[in-house]
Amino acid sequence: MFGVTDLWLFILSGIALNMIPGPDSLFIIGRSAGQGFRAGSMAALGIGTGTLVHIFAAAFGLSAILATSATAFTVIKIIGCLYLLYIGLSMLRAKAHNGDNTAAIKTQPMPLGKIFYQGFLTNSLNPKVALFFLAFVPQFIAADAPDKALAFIFLGLVFNINGMLWCHFLAWSSASVGAKLKHNQNLNRCLTKLTGGLFLYFGIKLALSEQN
């Protein structure tokens, strides 16, 4: 179909790759644990929309610019890095307050629209995702495929659908755990700080990444 080869291997590889922890997974876990499944689902949908940007950009050659232009890659990398650092610092700077003799993180529920937008930016501003699609997907497109762009889009959509299934499972499981831990404010505070620190790590890691 569409000149695609070894579709079964592509699906299995895609599932395995989606399960590798990264800033997208971390964002879903954080929102689900803090606000429940709906928030985690919205984060996942935002990330999935960001993935669509990479899919269509790679299919029509725009991602090739990131692969060949050091300036373009650096600019996008810096923007993505700053955004991840911003999220991490926001979590680390969340103020504590005393209530019922218990330390708690003073957080307000984030609007679902903002969660979607943040998820979209977390994914779409990561140039390594664009280069991943450019390197991974063509391996499963036949050299004589009648329409390589269409084949690329088809594989990208399959990858994204599988990713959304995994992300929603992640949101559901994180929301379930979060509901049980919601009343343990000290642990809640530690998890928020830990998540913020991990976002800082991913931001620094992206800043140090090279164009390859």
N, C-alpha and C. Protein backbone atom coordinates (compact mmCIF):
# COMPACT_ATOMS: atom_id res chain seq x y z
N MET A 1 0.84 -1.20 0.00
CA MET A 1 0.00 0.00 0.00
C MET A 1 0.88 1.25 0.00
N PHE A 2 0.67 2.14 -0.97
CA PHE A 2 1.40 3.41 -1.10
C PHE A 2 2.90 3.21 -1.27
N GLY A 3 3.33 1.97 -1.57
CA GLY A 3 4.76 1.73 -1.71
C GLY A 3 5.46 1.55 -0.38
N VAL A 4 4.70 1.19 0.65
CA VAL A 4 5.25 0.97 1.99
C VAL A 4 5.75 -0.46 2.12
N THR A 5 6.89 -0.65 2.76
CA THR A 5 7.45 -1.98 2.98
C THR A 5 7.55 -2.27 4.48
N ASP A 6 7.43 -3.56 4.82
CA ASP A 6 7.59 -4.02 6.21
C ASP A 6 6.77 -3.18 7.19
N LEU A 7 5.49 -3.05 6.90
CA LEU A 7 4.62 -2.23 7.75
C LEU A 7 4.57 -2.77 9.18
N TRP A 8 4.54 -4.09 9.32
CA TRP A 8 4.48 -4.70 10.65
C TRP A 8 5.69 -4.31 11.49
N LEU A 9 6.89 -4.30 10.84
CA LEU A 9 8.11 -3.93 11.54
C LEU A 9 8.09 -2.45 11.91
N PHE A 10 7.53 -1.64 11.02
CA PHE A 10 7.41 -0.20 11.30
C PHE A 10 6.52 0.03 12.52
N ILE A 11 5.40 -0.69 12.58
CA ILE A 11 4.47 -0.52 13.69
C ILE A 11 5.11 -0.94 15.01
N LEU A 12 5.78 -2.10 15.01
CA LEU A 12 6.43 -2.58 16.23
C LEU A 12 7.54 -1.62 16.68
N SER A 13 8.33 -1.15 15.71
CA SER A 13 9.41 -0.21 16.04
C SER A 13 8.84 1.09 16.57
N GLY A 14 7.75 1.55 15.96
CA GLY A 14 7.13 2.80 16.39
C GLY A 14 6.60 2.71 17.81
N ILE A 15 5.97 1.57 18.14
CA ILE A 15 5.45 1.39 19.49
C ILE A 15 6.60 1.43 20.51
N ALA A 16 7.68 0.72 20.18
CA ALA A 16 8.84 0.69 21.09
C ALA A 16 9.44 2.08 21.26
N LEU A 17 9.53 2.84 20.17
CA LEU A 17 10.11 4.18 20.24
C LEU A 17 9.21 5.13 21.03
N ASN A 18 7.90 4.98 20.88
CA ASN A 18 6.97 5.84 21.63
C ASN A 18 7.05 5.59 23.13
N MET A 19 7.46 4.40 23.52
CA MET A 19 7.52 4.06 24.94
C MET A 19 8.78 4.57 25.62
N ILE A 20 9.75 5.06 24.84
CA ILE A 20 10.97 5.61 25.43
C ILE A 20 10.65 6.95 26.09
N PRO A 21 10.98 7.13 27.37
CA PRO A 21 10.64 8.38 28.07
C PRO A 21 11.32 9.59 27.43
N GLY A 22 10.61 10.69 27.40
CA GLY A 22 11.13 11.95 26.87
C GLY A 22 10.29 13.09 27.39
N PRO A 23 10.54 14.31 26.93
CA PRO A 23 9.78 15.47 27.42
C PRO A 23 8.28 15.36 27.15
N ASP A 24 7.89 14.73 26.04
CA ASP A 24 6.46 14.57 25.75
C ASP A 24 5.79 13.70 26.81
N SER A 25 6.40 12.53 27.07
CA SER A 25 5.84 11.63 28.08
C SER A 25 5.80 12.30 29.45
N LEU A 26 6.86 13.02 29.76
CA LEU A 26 6.95 13.70 31.05
C LEU A 26 5.85 14.74 31.20
N PHE A 27 5.56 15.47 30.13
CA PHE A 27 4.51 16.48 30.18
C PHE A 27 3.14 15.84 30.41
N ILE A 28 2.88 14.73 29.74
CA ILE A 28 1.60 14.02 29.90
C ILE A 28 1.46 13.51 31.32
N ILE A 29 2.51 12.91 31.85
CA ILE A 29 2.47 12.37 33.21
C ILE A 29 2.22 13.48 34.21
N GLY A 30 2.91 14.61 34.04
CA GLY A 30 2.74 15.72 34.98
C GLY A 30 1.34 16.29 34.99
N ARG A 31 0.77 16.49 33.81
CA ARG A 31 -0.57 17.06 33.72
C ARG A 31 -1.62 16.06 34.20
N SER A 32 -1.43 14.77 33.89
CA SER A 32 -2.40 13.74 34.31
C SER A 32 -2.39 13.57 35.81
N ALA A 33 -1.21 13.50 36.39
CA ALA A 33 -1.10 13.30 37.84
C ALA A 33 -1.67 14.49 38.60
N GLY A 34 -1.51 15.69 38.03
CA GLY A 34 -1.96 16.89 38.72
C GLY A 34 -3.42 17.23 38.52
N GLN A 35 -3.95 16.95 37.32
CA GLN A 35 -5.31 17.40 37.00
C GLN A 35 -6.23 16.30 36.48
N GLY A 36 -5.73 15.09 36.36
CA GLY A 36 -6.59 13.99 35.94
C GLY A 36 -6.47 13.65 34.46
N PHE A 37 -7.27 12.66 34.05
CA PHE A 37 -7.15 12.10 32.71
C PHE A 37 -7.45 13.11 31.61
N ARG A 38 -8.46 13.97 31.79
CA ARG A 38 -8.82 14.92 30.75
C ARG A 38 -7.64 15.85 30.42
N ALA A 39 -6.94 16.28 31.45
CA ALA A 39 -5.78 17.14 31.24
C ALA A 39 -4.68 16.38 30.52
N GLY A 40 -4.45 15.13 30.93
CA GLY A 40 -3.44 14.31 30.27
C GLY A 40 -3.79 14.03 28.82
N SER A 41 -5.08 13.78 28.57
CA SER A 41 -5.54 13.54 27.21
C SER A 41 -5.33 14.78 26.34
N MET A 42 -5.61 15.95 26.89
CA MET A 42 -5.42 17.19 26.13
C MET A 42 -3.94 17.42 25.84
N ALA A 43 -3.08 17.08 26.80
CA ALA A 43 -1.64 17.18 26.58
C ALA A 43 -1.21 16.25 25.45
N ALA A 44 -1.75 15.02 25.46
CA ALA A 44 -1.42 14.05 24.42
C ALA A 44 -1.88 14.53 23.04
N LEU A 45 -3.08 15.11 22.97
CA LEU A 45 -3.59 15.60 21.69
C LEU A 45 -2.75 16.77 21.18
N GLY A 46 -2.29 17.62 22.09
CA GLY A 46 -1.41 18.71 21.68
C GLY A 46 -0.11 18.18 21.11
N ILE A 47 0.45 17.17 21.77
CA ILE A 47 1.68 16.55 21.30
C ILE A 47 1.45 15.87 19.95
N GLY A 48 0.31 15.20 19.81
CA GLY A 48 -0.01 14.56 18.54
C GLY A 48 -0.14 15.56 17.41
N THR A 49 -0.70 16.73 17.70
CA THR A 49 -0.80 17.79 16.68
C THR A 49 0.58 18.31 16.31
N GLY A 50 1.45 18.43 17.31
CA GLY A 50 2.82 18.83 17.02
C GLY A 50 3.53 17.81 16.15
N THR A 51 3.24 16.54 16.39
CA THR A 51 3.83 15.47 15.57
C THR A 51 3.38 15.58 14.12
N LEU A 52 2.10 15.97 13.92
CA LEU A 52 1.60 16.16 12.55
C LEU A 52 2.40 17.22 11.81
N VAL A 53 2.80 18.26 12.52
CA VAL A 53 3.62 19.31 11.90
C VAL A 53 4.92 18.70 11.37
N HIS A 54 5.56 17.86 12.19
CA HIS A 54 6.81 17.23 11.76
C HIS A 54 6.58 16.26 10.60
N ILE A 55 5.47 15.54 10.63
CA ILE A 55 5.18 14.57 9.57
C ILE A 55 5.03 15.26 8.23
N PHE A 56 4.19 16.31 8.18
CA PHE A 56 3.96 16.98 6.91
C PHE A 56 5.18 17.79 6.47
N ALA A 57 5.91 18.33 7.44
CA ALA A 57 7.13 19.07 7.09
C ALA A 57 8.15 18.13 6.46
N ALA A 58 8.31 16.94 7.07
CA ALA A 58 9.27 15.98 6.53
C ALA A 58 8.81 15.44 5.18
N ALA A 59 7.50 15.20 5.03
CA ALA A 59 6.97 14.65 3.79
C ALA A 59 7.20 15.59 2.61
N PHE A 60 7.12 16.88 2.87
CA PHE A 60 7.27 17.85 1.78
C PHE A 60 8.63 18.54 1.77
N GLY A 61 9.58 17.95 2.52
CA GLY A 61 10.96 18.41 2.40
C GLY A 61 11.37 19.53 3.31
N LEU A 62 10.46 20.06 4.12
CA LEU A 62 10.84 21.19 4.97
C LEU A 62 11.83 20.77 6.05
N SER A 63 11.70 19.55 6.55
CA SER A 63 12.62 19.08 7.58
C SER A 63 14.04 18.91 7.03
N ALA A 64 14.14 18.76 5.71
CA ALA A 64 15.47 18.65 5.11
C ALA A 64 16.28 19.91 5.35
N ILE A 65 15.58 21.02 5.51
CA ILE A 65 16.28 22.29 5.80
C ILE A 65 16.99 22.19 7.14
N LEU A 66 16.32 21.59 8.13
CA LEU A 66 16.94 21.43 9.44
C LEU A 66 18.14 20.50 9.37
N ALA A 67 18.08 19.52 8.45
CA ALA A 67 19.16 18.56 8.33
C ALA A 67 20.38 19.15 7.62
N THR A 68 20.15 20.16 6.80
CA THR A 68 21.26 20.72 6.01
C THR A 68 21.69 22.11 6.44
N SER A 69 20.82 22.83 7.13
CA SER A 69 21.14 24.20 7.54
C SER A 69 21.44 24.25 9.04
N ALA A 70 22.70 24.51 9.36
CA ALA A 70 23.10 24.60 10.76
C ALA A 70 22.41 25.77 11.45
N THR A 71 22.20 26.85 10.71
CA THR A 71 21.56 28.03 11.31
C THR A 71 20.12 27.75 11.67
N ALA A 72 19.37 27.14 10.74
CA ALA A 72 17.96 26.82 11.00
C ALA A 72 17.84 25.84 12.17
N PHE A 73 18.71 24.84 12.18
CA PHE A 73 18.66 23.85 13.26
C PHE A 73 18.94 24.52 14.61
N THR A 74 19.93 25.39 14.64
CA THR A 74 20.32 26.05 15.89
C THR A 74 19.20 26.96 16.40
N VAL A 75 18.56 27.70 15.50
CA VAL A 75 17.50 28.61 15.90
C VAL A 75 16.34 27.84 16.53
N ILE A 76 15.88 26.79 15.86
CA ILE A 76 14.77 26.00 16.38
C ILE A 76 15.17 25.31 17.68
N LYS A 77 16.42 24.85 17.73
CA LYS A 77 16.90 24.17 18.93
C LYS A 77 16.89 25.11 20.13
N ILE A 78 17.34 26.33 19.93
CA ILE A 78 17.39 27.31 21.02
C ILE A 78 15.98 27.64 21.51
N ILE A 79 15.05 27.82 20.57
CA ILE A 79 13.66 28.12 20.96
C ILE A 79 13.08 26.97 21.76
N GLY A 80 13.27 25.75 21.28
CA GLY A 80 12.76 24.58 22.00
C GLY A 80 13.40 24.42 23.36
N CYS A 81 14.71 24.66 23.42
CA CYS A 81 15.44 24.57 24.68
C CYS A 81 14.89 25.56 25.71
N LEU A 82 14.72 26.81 25.28
CA LEU A 82 14.22 27.85 26.18
C LEU A 82 12.82 27.51 26.68
N TYR A 83 12.01 26.91 25.83
CA TYR A 83 10.65 26.58 26.25
C TYR A 83 10.66 25.47 27.30
N LEU A 84 11.49 24.45 27.10
CA LEU A 84 11.59 23.37 28.09
C LEU A 84 12.13 23.91 29.41
N LEU A 85 13.12 24.79 29.34
CA LEU A 85 13.67 25.39 30.56
C LEU A 85 12.61 26.23 31.28
N TYR A 86 11.79 26.92 30.50
CA TYR A 86 10.72 27.73 31.08
C TYR A 86 9.74 26.86 31.87
N ILE A 87 9.33 25.73 31.29
CA ILE A 87 8.41 24.83 31.98
C ILE A 87 9.05 24.29 33.26
N GLY A 88 10.32 23.86 33.14
CA GLY A 88 11.02 23.31 34.30
C GLY A 88 11.15 24.32 35.42
N LEU A 89 11.55 25.54 35.09
CA LEU A 89 11.71 26.58 36.12
C LEU A 89 10.38 26.95 36.75
N SER A 90 9.31 26.94 35.95
CA SER A 90 7.99 27.25 36.49
C SER A 90 7.59 26.24 37.56
N MET A 91 7.92 24.98 37.33
CA MET A 91 7.61 23.95 38.31
C MET A 91 8.49 24.07 39.55
N LEU A 92 9.76 24.35 39.35
CA LEU A 92 10.67 24.46 40.49
C LEU A 92 10.36 25.68 41.34
N ARG A 93 9.80 26.73 40.72
CA ARG A 93 9.52 27.96 41.45
C ARG A 93 8.11 27.99 42.03
N ALA A 94 7.35 26.90 41.85
CA ALA A 94 6.00 26.84 42.42
C ALA A 94 6.09 27.05 43.92
N LYS A 95 5.38 28.04 44.43
CA LYS A 95 5.51 28.42 45.83
C LYS A 95 4.74 27.47 46.75
N ALA A 96 5.37 27.21 47.87
CA ALA A 96 4.72 26.39 48.89
C ALA A 96 3.93 27.27 49.83
N HIS A 97 2.84 26.73 50.39
CA HIS A 97 2.10 27.45 51.40
C HIS A 97 1.65 26.47 52.47
N ASN A 98 1.37 26.97 53.63
CA ASN A 98 0.96 26.11 54.73
C ASN A 98 -0.56 26.09 54.86
N GLY A 99 -1.09 24.93 54.98
CA GLY A 99 -2.54 24.80 55.15
C GLY A 99 -2.82 23.48 55.83
N ASP A 100 -3.60 23.51 56.88
CA ASP A 100 -3.89 22.31 57.66
C ASP A 100 -2.61 21.63 58.13
N ASN A 101 -1.62 22.48 58.51
CA ASN A 101 -0.33 21.99 59.01
C ASN A 101 0.38 21.11 58.01
N THR A 102 0.10 21.29 56.73
CA THR A 102 0.72 20.46 55.70
C THR A 102 1.32 21.33 54.63
N ALA A 103 2.53 20.97 54.19
CA ALA A 103 3.16 21.72 53.10
C ALA A 103 2.51 21.30 51.80
N ALA A 104 2.17 22.28 50.97
CA ALA A 104 1.51 21.96 49.69
C ALA A 104 2.01 22.88 48.62
N ILE A 105 1.92 22.42 47.42
CA ILE A 105 2.31 23.26 46.29
C ILE A 105 1.10 24.08 45.88
N LYS A 106 1.31 25.36 45.76
CA LYS A 106 0.23 26.25 45.40
C LYS A 106 0.09 26.27 43.88
N THR A 107 -0.81 25.47 43.38
CA THR A 107 -1.01 25.39 41.94
C THR A 107 -2.47 25.57 41.61
N GLN A 108 -2.73 26.21 40.50
CA GLN A 108 -4.08 26.38 40.01
C GLN A 108 -4.27 25.45 38.82
N PRO A 109 -5.44 24.83 38.69
CA PRO A 109 -5.68 23.99 37.52
C PRO A 109 -5.45 24.77 36.23
N MET A 110 -4.71 24.19 35.33
CA MET A 110 -4.41 24.86 34.06
C MET A 110 -5.56 24.63 33.08
N PRO A 111 -5.99 25.67 32.37
CA PRO A 111 -7.05 25.48 31.37
C PRO A 111 -6.66 24.43 30.34
N LEU A 112 -7.63 23.64 29.90
CA LEU A 112 -7.35 22.56 28.96
C LEU A 112 -6.76 23.10 27.65
N GLY A 113 -7.22 24.27 27.22
CA GLY A 113 -6.69 24.85 25.99
C GLY A 113 -5.21 25.17 26.12
N LYS A 114 -4.81 25.66 27.28
CA LYS A 114 -3.40 25.98 27.50
C LYS A 114 -2.56 24.72 27.57
N ILE A 115 -3.11 23.66 28.16
CA ILE A 115 -2.40 22.38 28.21
C ILE A 115 -2.16 21.86 26.80
N PHE A 116 -3.19 21.95 25.95
CA PHE A 116 -3.05 21.53 24.55
C PHE A 116 -1.95 22.33 23.86
N TYR A 117 -1.96 23.64 24.07
CA TYR A 117 -0.98 24.52 23.42
C TYR A 117 0.43 24.21 23.89
N GLN A 118 0.60 23.97 25.20
CA GLN A 118 1.92 23.65 25.73
C GLN A 118 2.42 22.32 25.18
N GLY A 119 1.52 21.33 25.10
CA GLY A 119 1.90 20.05 24.52
C GLY A 119 2.33 20.19 23.07
N PHE A 120 1.59 21.02 22.34
CA PHE A 120 1.93 21.27 20.93
C PHE A 120 3.32 21.88 20.80
N LEU A 121 3.62 22.88 21.63
CA LEU A 121 4.91 23.55 21.56
C LEU A 121 6.04 22.63 22.02
N THR A 122 5.79 21.83 23.05
CA THR A 122 6.82 20.92 23.55
C THR A 122 7.31 20.00 22.45
N ASN A 123 6.39 19.54 21.61
CA ASN A 123 6.76 18.63 20.53
C ASN A 123 7.24 19.36 19.28
N SER A 124 6.49 20.34 18.83
CA SER A 124 6.79 20.97 17.54
C SER A 124 8.08 21.79 17.55
N LEU A 125 8.52 22.25 18.73
CA LEU A 125 9.74 23.05 18.81
C LEU A 125 10.99 22.21 19.06
N ASN A 126 10.87 20.91 18.93
CA ASN A 126 12.01 20.01 19.11
C ASN A 126 12.53 19.56 17.74
N PRO A 127 13.64 20.13 17.26
CA PRO A 127 14.12 19.78 15.91
C PRO A 127 14.59 18.34 15.81
N LYS A 128 14.92 17.72 16.94
CA LYS A 128 15.36 16.32 16.90
C LYS A 128 14.21 15.41 16.45
N VAL A 129 12.97 15.80 16.74
CA VAL A 129 11.82 15.02 16.29
C VAL A 129 11.72 15.08 14.76
N ALA A 130 11.94 16.26 14.21
CA ALA A 130 11.90 16.42 12.75
C ALA A 130 12.97 15.56 12.08
N LEU A 131 14.17 15.57 12.64
CA LEU A 131 15.25 14.79 12.06
C LEU A 131 15.01 13.29 12.24
N PHE A 132 14.33 12.92 13.33
CA PHE A 132 13.99 11.51 13.54
C PHE A 132 13.09 11.01 12.42
N PHE A 133 12.04 11.76 12.11
CA PHE A 133 11.13 11.34 11.04
C PHE A 133 11.86 11.27 9.70
N LEU A 134 12.75 12.22 9.48
CA LEU A 134 13.50 12.26 8.23
C LEU A 134 14.42 11.05 8.09
N ALA A 135 14.91 10.54 9.21
CA ALA A 135 15.85 9.41 9.16
C ALA A 135 15.14 8.06 9.26
N PHE A 136 14.06 7.99 10.03
CA PHE A 136 13.43 6.71 10.34
C PHE A 136 12.42 6.27 9.28
N VAL A 137 11.51 7.15 8.93
CA VAL A 137 10.39 6.76 8.06
C VAL A 137 10.83 6.31 6.66
N PRO A 138 11.77 6.98 5.98
CA PRO A 138 12.13 6.57 4.62
C PRO A 138 12.63 5.13 4.51
N GLN A 139 13.08 4.56 5.61
CA GLN A 139 13.57 3.18 5.57
C GLN A 139 12.45 2.19 5.22
N PHE A 140 11.20 2.62 5.36
CA PHE A 140 10.06 1.74 5.12
C PHE A 140 9.28 2.16 3.87
N ILE A 141 9.91 2.95 3.01
CA ILE A 141 9.29 3.36 1.75
C ILE A 141 10.10 2.76 0.61
N ALA A 142 9.44 2.04 -0.28
CA ALA A 142 10.13 1.40 -1.40
C ALA A 142 10.71 2.43 -2.34
N ALA A 143 11.84 2.08 -2.93
CA ALA A 143 12.52 3.01 -3.84
C ALA A 143 11.65 3.35 -5.05
N ASP A 144 10.78 2.41 -5.44
CA ASP A 144 9.93 2.63 -6.61
C ASP A 144 8.51 3.04 -6.22
N ALA A 145 8.32 3.54 -5.01
CA ALA A 145 6.99 3.98 -4.56
C ALA A 145 6.47 5.06 -5.50
N PRO A 146 5.22 4.97 -5.96
CA PRO A 146 4.69 5.93 -6.93
C PRO A 146 4.59 7.36 -6.38
N ASP A 147 4.34 7.49 -5.09
CA ASP A 147 4.22 8.81 -4.47
C ASP A 147 4.84 8.73 -3.07
N LYS A 148 6.11 9.11 -3.00
CA LYS A 148 6.85 8.97 -1.74
C LYS A 148 6.29 9.89 -0.65
N ALA A 149 5.82 11.07 -1.01
CA ALA A 149 5.26 11.97 -0.01
C ALA A 149 4.01 11.36 0.61
N LEU A 150 3.15 10.74 -0.20
CA LEU A 150 1.94 10.10 0.31
C LEU A 150 2.30 8.93 1.21
N ALA A 151 3.30 8.14 0.79
CA ALA A 151 3.75 7.02 1.62
C ALA A 151 4.28 7.52 2.95
N PHE A 152 5.01 8.63 2.93
CA PHE A 152 5.57 9.20 4.15
C PHE A 152 4.45 9.65 5.08
N ILE A 153 3.46 10.32 4.54
CA ILE A 153 2.33 10.79 5.35
C ILE A 153 1.57 9.60 5.95
N PHE A 154 1.35 8.55 5.14
CA PHE A 154 0.66 7.36 5.65
C PHE A 154 1.40 6.75 6.84
N LEU A 155 2.72 6.57 6.69
CA LEU A 155 3.50 5.99 7.77
C LEU A 155 3.53 6.92 8.99
N GLY A 156 3.62 8.21 8.72
CA GLY A 156 3.63 9.17 9.82
C GLY A 156 2.34 9.13 10.61
N LEU A 157 1.22 9.00 9.91
CA LEU A 157 -0.08 8.92 10.60
C LEU A 157 -0.21 7.63 11.41
N VAL A 158 0.30 6.52 10.86
CA VAL A 158 0.29 5.26 11.60
C VAL A 158 1.10 5.41 12.88
N PHE A 159 2.28 6.00 12.75
CA PHE A 159 3.15 6.24 13.91
C PHE A 159 2.44 7.11 14.94
N ASN A 160 1.77 8.16 14.47
CA ASN A 160 1.12 9.10 15.38
C ASN A 160 -0.08 8.47 16.08
N ILE A 161 -0.85 7.66 15.36
CA ILE A 161 -2.00 6.98 15.98
C ILE A 161 -1.53 6.04 17.08
N ASN A 162 -0.48 5.26 16.77
CA ASN A 162 0.07 4.37 17.80
C ASN A 162 0.57 5.17 18.99
N GLY A 163 1.19 6.31 18.69
CA GLY A 163 1.70 7.17 19.75
C GLY A 163 0.58 7.72 20.63
N MET A 164 -0.54 8.09 20.00
CA MET A 164 -1.67 8.61 20.76
C MET A 164 -2.29 7.54 21.66
N LEU A 165 -2.31 6.29 21.19
CA LEU A 165 -2.82 5.20 22.02
C LEU A 165 -1.94 5.03 23.26
N TRP A 166 -0.64 5.05 23.04
CA TRP A 166 0.29 4.93 24.18
C TRP A 166 0.18 6.13 25.11
N CYS A 167 0.10 7.32 24.54
CA CYS A 167 0.03 8.54 25.36
C CYS A 167 -1.24 8.56 26.21
N HIS A 168 -2.35 8.08 25.66
CA HIS A 168 -3.59 8.06 26.44
C HIS A 168 -3.56 6.99 27.52
N PHE A 169 -2.87 5.89 27.25
CA PHE A 169 -2.67 4.91 28.31
C PHE A 169 -1.82 5.51 29.43
N LEU A 170 -0.79 6.26 29.03
CA LEU A 170 0.07 6.93 29.99
C LEU A 170 -0.73 7.94 30.81
N ALA A 171 -1.62 8.68 30.13
CA ALA A 171 -2.46 9.66 30.83
C ALA A 171 -3.39 8.97 31.82
N TRP A 172 -4.00 7.87 31.40
CA TRP A 172 -4.93 7.15 32.28
C TRP A 172 -4.22 6.59 33.51
N SER A 173 -3.07 5.93 33.29
CA SER A 173 -2.36 5.33 34.41
C SER A 173 -1.80 6.40 35.35
N SER A 174 -1.31 7.50 34.80
CA SER A 174 -0.77 8.58 35.63
C SER A 174 -1.88 9.25 36.43
N ALA A 175 -3.05 9.41 35.80
CA ALA A 175 -4.18 10.02 36.50
C ALA A 175 -4.63 9.13 37.65
N SER A 176 -4.62 7.82 37.45
CA SER A 176 -5.03 6.88 38.49
C SER A 176 -4.08 6.96 39.69
N VAL A 177 -2.78 7.00 39.39
CA VAL A 177 -1.80 7.11 40.47
C VAL A 177 -1.90 8.47 41.14
N GLY A 178 -2.08 9.51 40.32
CA GLY A 178 -2.18 10.87 40.87
C GLY A 178 -3.36 11.04 41.80
N ALA A 179 -4.47 10.38 41.48
CA ALA A 179 -5.66 10.49 42.33
C ALA A 179 -5.40 9.87 43.70
N LYS A 180 -4.62 8.80 43.73
CA LYS A 180 -4.32 8.14 45.00
C LYS A 180 -3.33 8.95 45.84
N LEU A 181 -2.46 9.73 45.14
CA LEU A 181 -1.43 10.48 45.85
C LEU A 181 -1.82 11.93 46.11
N LYS A 182 -2.99 12.32 45.63
CA LYS A 182 -3.37 13.73 45.68
C LYS A 182 -3.37 14.30 47.10
N HIS A 183 -3.72 13.48 48.07
CA HIS A 183 -3.81 13.97 49.44
C HIS A 183 -2.47 13.93 50.17
N ASN A 184 -1.46 13.33 49.54
CA ASN A 184 -0.13 13.32 50.13
C ASN A 184 0.64 14.52 49.59
N GLN A 185 0.47 15.68 50.25
CA GLN A 185 0.98 16.93 49.71
C GLN A 185 2.52 16.97 49.66
N ASN A 186 3.17 16.36 50.64
CA ASN A 186 4.63 16.36 50.63
C ASN A 186 5.18 15.62 49.42
N LEU A 187 4.59 14.46 49.13
CA LEU A 187 5.01 13.69 47.96
C LEU A 187 4.65 14.43 46.69
N ASN A 188 3.49 15.07 46.69
CA ASN A 188 3.05 15.86 45.53
C ASN A 188 4.06 16.96 45.22
N ARG A 189 4.51 17.61 46.28
CA ARG A 189 5.49 18.69 46.13
C ARG A 189 6.81 18.15 45.57
N CYS A 190 7.27 17.01 46.10
CA CYS A 190 8.52 16.43 45.62
C CYS A 190 8.43 16.02 44.16
N LEU A 191 7.28 15.45 43.76
CA LEU A 191 7.10 15.03 42.37
C LEU A 191 7.10 16.23 41.43
N THR A 192 6.50 17.33 41.88
CA THR A 192 6.48 18.55 41.06
C THR A 192 7.90 19.07 40.85
N LYS A 193 8.69 19.09 41.92
CA LYS A 193 10.07 19.55 41.84
C LYS A 193 10.90 18.61 40.96
N LEU A 194 10.67 17.31 41.12
CA LEU A 194 11.41 16.34 40.31
C LEU A 194 11.08 16.49 38.83
N THR A 195 9.79 16.68 38.54
CA THR A 195 9.38 16.86 37.15
C THR A 195 10.00 18.12 36.57
N GLY A 196 10.02 19.20 37.37
CA GLY A 196 10.65 20.44 36.91
C GLY A 196 12.13 20.24 36.63
N GLY A 197 12.80 19.49 37.49
CA GLY A 197 14.22 19.21 37.27
C GLY A 197 14.46 18.40 36.01
N LEU A 198 13.57 17.45 35.72
CA LEU A 198 13.71 16.64 34.52
C LEU A 198 13.50 17.48 33.26
N PHE A 199 12.58 18.45 33.33
CA PHE A 199 12.39 19.33 32.17
C PHE A 199 13.65 20.16 31.94
N LEU A 200 14.29 20.61 33.01
CA LEU A 200 15.55 21.34 32.87
C LEU A 200 16.61 20.44 32.21
N TYR A 201 16.63 19.18 32.62
CA TYR A 201 17.58 18.23 32.03
C TYR A 201 17.35 18.08 30.53
N PHE A 202 16.08 17.89 30.14
CA PHE A 202 15.79 17.72 28.72
C PHE A 202 16.10 19.00 27.93
N GLY A 203 15.87 20.16 28.57
CA GLY A 203 16.20 21.42 27.91
C GLY A 203 17.69 21.55 27.68
N ILE A 204 18.49 21.23 28.69
CA ILE A 204 19.95 21.30 28.55
C ILE A 204 20.45 20.26 27.54
N LYS A 205 19.82 19.07 27.58
CA LYS A 205 20.21 18.02 26.64
C LYS A 205 19.95 18.46 25.20
N LEU A 206 18.81 19.12 24.99
CA LEU A 206 18.51 19.62 23.64
C LEU A 206 19.50 20.70 23.24
N ALA A 207 19.87 21.55 24.19
CA ALA A 207 20.82 22.64 23.89
C ALA A 207 22.18 22.08 23.47
N LEU A 208 22.55 20.93 24.03
CA LEU A 208 23.86 20.34 23.73
C LEU A 208 23.83 19.40 22.54
N SER A 209 22.62 19.14 22.01
CA SER A 209 22.50 18.21 20.89
C SER A 209 23.13 18.80 19.63
N GLU A 210 23.57 17.93 18.77
CA GLU A 210 24.22 18.34 17.53
C GLU A 210 23.37 17.97 16.33
N GLN A 211 23.59 18.68 15.26
CA GLN A 211 22.90 18.39 14.00
C GLN A 211 23.58 17.19 13.38
N ASN A 212 22.82 16.10 13.22
CA ASN A 212 23.44 14.91 12.62
C ASN A 212 22.42 14.15 11.80
